[in-house]
N, C-alpha and C. Protein backbone atom coordinates (compact mmCIF):
# COMPACT_ATOMS: atom_id res chain seq x y z
N MET A 1 7.74 -11.39 -13.81
CA MET A 1 8.02 -11.04 -12.42
C MET A 1 8.62 -9.65 -12.36
N ILE A 2 8.21 -8.92 -11.34
CA ILE A 2 8.79 -7.60 -11.12
C ILE A 2 9.35 -7.55 -9.70
N THR A 3 10.16 -6.54 -9.46
CA THR A 3 10.77 -6.32 -8.15
C THR A 3 10.18 -5.07 -7.53
N VAL A 4 9.85 -5.14 -6.24
CA VAL A 4 9.40 -3.98 -5.49
C VAL A 4 10.18 -3.93 -4.18
N HIS A 5 10.34 -2.74 -3.65
CA HIS A 5 11.10 -2.53 -2.42
C HIS A 5 10.20 -1.83 -1.40
N LEU A 6 10.10 -2.41 -0.21
CA LEU A 6 9.33 -1.82 0.88
C LEU A 6 10.30 -1.48 2.00
N ILE A 7 10.33 -0.22 2.38
CA ILE A 7 11.28 0.27 3.37
C ILE A 7 10.53 0.56 4.67
N GLY A 8 10.91 -0.16 5.71
CA GLY A 8 10.29 0.01 7.02
C GLY A 8 10.70 1.31 7.67
N ASP A 9 9.95 1.69 8.68
CA ASP A 9 10.25 2.91 9.43
C ASP A 9 11.63 2.85 10.07
N ASP A 10 12.13 1.64 10.32
CA ASP A 10 13.45 1.46 10.91
C ASP A 10 14.57 1.43 9.87
N GLY A 11 14.20 1.59 8.58
CA GLY A 11 15.19 1.60 7.51
C GLY A 11 15.43 0.25 6.86
N HIS A 12 14.87 -0.81 7.45
CA HIS A 12 15.02 -2.16 6.86
C HIS A 12 14.28 -2.22 5.53
N THR A 13 14.92 -2.77 4.51
CA THR A 13 14.30 -2.90 3.19
C THR A 13 13.98 -4.36 2.89
N ASP A 14 12.73 -4.59 2.53
CA ASP A 14 12.31 -5.90 2.02
C ASP A 14 12.21 -5.76 0.51
N THR A 15 12.94 -6.57 -0.22
CA THR A 15 12.89 -6.60 -1.67
C THR A 15 12.11 -7.83 -2.07
N LEU A 16 11.02 -7.62 -2.81
CA LEU A 16 10.12 -8.69 -3.18
C LEU A 16 10.10 -8.90 -4.68
N ARG A 17 9.88 -10.12 -5.08
CA ARG A 17 9.63 -10.45 -6.49
C ARG A 17 8.17 -10.90 -6.54
N SER A 18 7.43 -10.35 -7.47
CA SER A 18 6.02 -10.70 -7.57
C SER A 18 5.58 -10.78 -9.01
N ARG A 19 4.57 -11.59 -9.25
CA ARG A 19 3.97 -11.64 -10.57
C ARG A 19 3.13 -10.39 -10.78
N THR A 20 3.05 -9.96 -12.02
CA THR A 20 2.17 -8.85 -12.33
C THR A 20 0.73 -9.31 -12.12
N GLY A 21 -0.13 -8.35 -11.84
CA GLY A 21 -1.52 -8.66 -11.59
C GLY A 21 -1.86 -8.77 -10.12
N HIS A 22 -0.89 -9.09 -9.28
CA HIS A 22 -1.12 -9.10 -7.84
C HIS A 22 -1.14 -7.67 -7.32
N SER A 23 -1.77 -7.47 -6.18
CA SER A 23 -1.69 -6.15 -5.55
C SER A 23 -0.38 -6.08 -4.76
N LEU A 24 0.09 -4.88 -4.52
CA LEU A 24 1.28 -4.69 -3.68
C LEU A 24 1.02 -5.26 -2.29
N MET A 25 -0.20 -5.09 -1.78
CA MET A 25 -0.54 -5.64 -0.48
C MET A 25 -0.40 -7.15 -0.46
N GLN A 26 -0.93 -7.82 -1.49
CA GLN A 26 -0.86 -9.28 -1.52
C GLN A 26 0.58 -9.77 -1.60
N ALA A 27 1.40 -9.09 -2.39
CA ALA A 27 2.82 -9.45 -2.48
C ALA A 27 3.48 -9.30 -1.11
N ALA A 28 3.16 -8.23 -0.39
CA ALA A 28 3.75 -8.00 0.93
C ALA A 28 3.26 -9.03 1.94
N VAL A 29 1.98 -9.35 1.91
CA VAL A 29 1.43 -10.35 2.83
C VAL A 29 2.04 -11.72 2.54
N ASP A 30 2.13 -12.08 1.27
CA ASP A 30 2.73 -13.37 0.90
C ASP A 30 4.17 -13.48 1.38
N ALA A 31 4.89 -12.34 1.38
CA ALA A 31 6.29 -12.33 1.82
C ALA A 31 6.42 -12.07 3.32
N ARG A 32 5.29 -11.91 3.99
CA ARG A 32 5.26 -11.66 5.44
C ARG A 32 6.06 -10.42 5.84
N VAL A 33 5.85 -9.36 5.09
CA VAL A 33 6.52 -8.10 5.38
C VAL A 33 5.91 -7.48 6.63
N ALA A 34 6.75 -7.21 7.62
CA ALA A 34 6.28 -6.52 8.83
C ALA A 34 5.91 -5.09 8.46
N GLY A 35 4.74 -4.65 8.93
CA GLY A 35 4.32 -3.28 8.67
C GLY A 35 3.17 -3.17 7.68
N ILE A 36 2.83 -4.26 7.01
CA ILE A 36 1.63 -4.32 6.18
C ILE A 36 0.69 -5.28 6.89
N GLU A 37 -0.28 -4.74 7.59
CA GLU A 37 -1.19 -5.58 8.39
C GLU A 37 -2.31 -6.17 7.55
N ALA A 38 -2.91 -5.37 6.67
CA ALA A 38 -3.95 -5.84 5.75
C ALA A 38 -5.09 -6.56 6.47
N ASP A 39 -5.58 -5.97 7.53
CA ASP A 39 -6.62 -6.60 8.34
C ASP A 39 -7.88 -6.95 7.56
N CYS A 40 -8.25 -6.13 6.58
CA CYS A 40 -9.50 -6.37 5.86
C CYS A 40 -9.29 -7.20 4.60
N GLY A 41 -8.05 -7.59 4.32
CA GLY A 41 -7.78 -8.44 3.17
C GLY A 41 -7.93 -7.75 1.83
N GLY A 42 -7.86 -6.44 1.82
CA GLY A 42 -7.93 -5.71 0.56
C GLY A 42 -9.30 -5.17 0.21
N MET A 43 -10.20 -5.10 1.18
CA MET A 43 -11.56 -4.63 0.94
C MET A 43 -11.71 -3.12 1.11
N MET A 44 -10.62 -2.43 1.42
CA MET A 44 -10.61 -0.97 1.64
C MET A 44 -11.51 -0.54 2.79
N THR A 45 -11.48 -1.31 3.87
CA THR A 45 -12.29 -0.95 5.03
C THR A 45 -11.46 -0.71 6.28
N CYS A 46 -10.12 -0.84 6.17
CA CYS A 46 -9.34 -0.70 7.41
C CYS A 46 -8.16 0.27 7.29
N GLY A 47 -7.57 0.41 6.13
CA GLY A 47 -6.44 1.32 5.96
C GLY A 47 -5.13 0.81 6.53
N THR A 48 -5.04 -0.49 6.87
CA THR A 48 -3.82 -1.01 7.50
C THR A 48 -2.82 -1.55 6.48
N CYS A 49 -2.94 -1.09 5.25
CA CYS A 49 -1.94 -1.43 4.22
C CYS A 49 -1.39 -0.15 3.60
N HIS A 50 -1.47 0.93 4.35
CA HIS A 50 -1.01 2.26 3.92
C HIS A 50 0.48 2.25 3.63
N VAL A 51 0.86 2.84 2.52
CA VAL A 51 2.26 3.01 2.14
C VAL A 51 2.45 4.39 1.55
N TYR A 52 3.71 4.82 1.48
CA TYR A 52 4.09 6.06 0.81
C TYR A 52 4.93 5.69 -0.41
N VAL A 53 4.32 5.76 -1.59
CA VAL A 53 5.00 5.37 -2.82
C VAL A 53 5.92 6.51 -3.27
N ARG A 54 7.16 6.16 -3.54
CA ARG A 54 8.13 7.16 -4.00
C ARG A 54 8.01 7.38 -5.50
N GLU A 55 8.47 8.54 -5.92
CA GLU A 55 8.59 8.83 -7.35
C GLU A 55 9.77 8.04 -7.89
N PRO A 56 9.77 7.69 -9.13
CA PRO A 56 8.85 8.13 -10.18
C PRO A 56 7.58 7.29 -10.26
N HIS A 57 7.46 6.27 -9.43
CA HIS A 57 6.32 5.36 -9.56
C HIS A 57 5.01 5.94 -9.05
N ALA A 58 5.06 6.84 -8.07
CA ALA A 58 3.81 7.41 -7.54
C ALA A 58 3.01 8.08 -8.65
N SER A 59 3.67 8.79 -9.53
CA SER A 59 2.96 9.50 -10.60
C SER A 59 2.52 8.56 -11.72
N ARG A 60 2.99 7.33 -11.73
CA ARG A 60 2.57 6.34 -12.73
C ARG A 60 1.28 5.63 -12.34
N LEU A 61 0.89 5.77 -11.08
CA LEU A 61 -0.31 5.10 -10.60
C LEU A 61 -1.54 5.92 -10.97
N PRO A 62 -2.65 5.25 -11.23
CA PRO A 62 -3.89 6.01 -11.42
C PRO A 62 -4.23 6.70 -10.10
N PRO A 63 -4.91 7.83 -10.16
CA PRO A 63 -5.25 8.51 -8.90
C PRO A 63 -6.18 7.64 -8.06
N PRO A 64 -6.12 7.81 -6.73
CA PRO A 64 -7.02 7.03 -5.88
C PRO A 64 -8.48 7.40 -6.18
N ASP A 65 -9.34 6.40 -6.13
CA ASP A 65 -10.77 6.71 -6.30
C ASP A 65 -11.29 7.32 -5.00
N SER A 66 -12.55 7.70 -4.97
CA SER A 66 -13.10 8.41 -3.82
C SER A 66 -13.08 7.56 -2.54
N VAL A 67 -13.28 6.26 -2.67
CA VAL A 67 -13.27 5.39 -1.48
C VAL A 67 -11.86 5.30 -0.90
N GLU A 68 -10.87 5.06 -1.76
CA GLU A 68 -9.49 5.01 -1.27
C GLU A 68 -9.07 6.35 -0.69
N SER A 69 -9.42 7.42 -1.36
CA SER A 69 -9.06 8.75 -0.87
C SER A 69 -9.66 9.02 0.51
N SER A 70 -10.90 8.63 0.70
CA SER A 70 -11.54 8.81 2.01
C SER A 70 -10.85 7.97 3.07
N MET A 71 -10.51 6.73 2.74
CA MET A 71 -9.85 5.85 3.71
C MET A 71 -8.48 6.40 4.08
N LEU A 72 -7.79 7.01 3.13
CA LEU A 72 -6.46 7.57 3.42
C LEU A 72 -6.54 8.73 4.42
N ASP A 73 -7.70 9.35 4.54
CA ASP A 73 -7.88 10.41 5.53
C ASP A 73 -7.99 9.87 6.95
N PHE A 74 -8.15 8.56 7.09
CA PHE A 74 -8.34 7.96 8.41
C PHE A 74 -7.27 6.94 8.77
N THR A 75 -6.15 6.96 8.08
CA THR A 75 -5.06 6.03 8.42
C THR A 75 -4.38 6.49 9.71
N ALA A 76 -3.72 5.56 10.38
CA ALA A 76 -3.06 5.87 11.65
C ALA A 76 -1.92 6.87 11.46
N ALA A 77 -1.16 6.72 10.39
CA ALA A 77 -0.06 7.64 10.09
C ALA A 77 -0.60 8.74 9.16
N PRO A 78 -0.03 9.92 9.25
CA PRO A 78 -0.55 11.02 8.43
C PRO A 78 -0.47 10.74 6.93
N ARG A 79 -1.46 11.25 6.24
CA ARG A 79 -1.46 11.19 4.78
C ARG A 79 -0.41 12.16 4.26
N LYS A 80 0.35 11.71 3.27
CA LYS A 80 1.41 12.52 2.66
C LYS A 80 1.30 12.36 1.15
N PRO A 81 2.06 13.18 0.40
CA PRO A 81 2.14 12.90 -1.03
C PRO A 81 2.65 11.48 -1.23
N GLY A 82 2.06 10.77 -2.13
CA GLY A 82 2.46 9.38 -2.36
C GLY A 82 1.72 8.38 -1.50
N SER A 83 0.87 8.84 -0.57
CA SER A 83 0.10 7.92 0.27
C SER A 83 -0.87 7.13 -0.59
N ARG A 84 -0.84 5.81 -0.41
CA ARG A 84 -1.76 4.92 -1.12
C ARG A 84 -2.07 3.73 -0.23
N LEU A 85 -3.17 3.09 -0.50
CA LEU A 85 -3.46 1.79 0.10
C LEU A 85 -2.84 0.76 -0.82
N SER A 86 -1.96 -0.06 -0.29
CA SER A 86 -1.24 -1.00 -1.15
C SER A 86 -2.17 -2.05 -1.77
N CYS A 87 -3.36 -2.24 -1.19
CA CYS A 87 -4.32 -3.18 -1.78
C CYS A 87 -4.86 -2.65 -3.10
N GLN A 88 -4.69 -1.37 -3.36
CA GLN A 88 -5.22 -0.76 -4.58
C GLN A 88 -4.15 -0.56 -5.65
N ILE A 89 -2.95 -1.03 -5.39
CA ILE A 89 -1.86 -0.91 -6.36
C ILE A 89 -1.70 -2.25 -7.06
N ALA A 90 -2.17 -2.29 -8.30
CA ALA A 90 -2.02 -3.50 -9.12
C ALA A 90 -0.63 -3.49 -9.73
N LEU A 91 0.14 -4.50 -9.43
CA LEU A 91 1.51 -4.56 -9.92
C LEU A 91 1.53 -4.87 -11.42
N SER A 92 2.31 -4.07 -12.13
CA SER A 92 2.44 -4.22 -13.58
C SER A 92 3.91 -4.04 -13.94
N ALA A 93 4.26 -4.38 -15.17
CA ALA A 93 5.65 -4.23 -15.62
C ALA A 93 6.11 -2.79 -15.49
N GLU A 94 5.20 -1.85 -15.68
CA GLU A 94 5.54 -0.42 -15.56
C GLU A 94 5.98 -0.06 -14.14
N LEU A 95 5.58 -0.86 -13.15
CA LEU A 95 5.93 -0.57 -11.76
C LEU A 95 7.15 -1.33 -11.27
N ASP A 96 7.86 -2.01 -12.18
CA ASP A 96 9.07 -2.72 -11.79
C ASP A 96 10.03 -1.75 -11.12
N GLY A 97 10.53 -2.11 -9.95
CA GLY A 97 11.45 -1.26 -9.21
C GLY A 97 10.76 -0.31 -8.24
N LEU A 98 9.43 -0.38 -8.15
CA LEU A 98 8.68 0.50 -7.24
C LEU A 98 9.26 0.44 -5.84
N THR A 99 9.38 1.61 -5.22
CA THR A 99 9.84 1.71 -3.84
C THR A 99 8.77 2.43 -3.04
N ALA A 100 8.42 1.87 -1.89
CA ALA A 100 7.44 2.48 -1.01
C ALA A 100 7.94 2.42 0.43
N ASP A 101 7.68 3.49 1.15
CA ASP A 101 8.02 3.55 2.57
C ASP A 101 6.80 3.13 3.38
N LEU A 102 7.05 2.39 4.46
CA LEU A 102 5.98 1.98 5.35
C LEU A 102 5.86 3.01 6.48
N PRO A 103 4.65 3.31 6.90
CA PRO A 103 4.48 4.25 8.00
C PRO A 103 4.97 3.63 9.32
N PRO A 104 5.17 4.44 10.34
CA PRO A 104 5.64 3.91 11.62
C PRO A 104 4.64 2.96 12.27
N SER A 105 3.36 3.11 11.95
CA SER A 105 2.34 2.23 12.51
C SER A 105 1.12 2.20 11.61
N GLN A 106 0.43 1.09 11.59
CA GLN A 106 -0.83 1.00 10.85
C GLN A 106 -2.03 1.13 11.81
N TYR A 107 -1.74 1.21 13.13
CA TYR A 107 -2.82 1.33 14.13
C TYR A 107 -2.68 2.59 14.94
């Protein structure tokens, strides 16, 4: 099990415990975190699981592939350094303690 922290636009922090192998999106949906809508269920067709991953974990992630990168150009909140679709973040022991900020809106 690893711990991840999701910080809402209002400053509220949800601290989650998740098994490795799950996506960050699935962990957030399972915990009913407000701000991760995940309308497409992780199919990379909606962009409603956008997060801003903080360092040092952002640089530990593999770079987004071309599909994720394209989808990040169409998210409701602006793309920033650390922008990722949480459905594409596979949780691993290396990501224990990951902190990500949620955008003000997914729509």
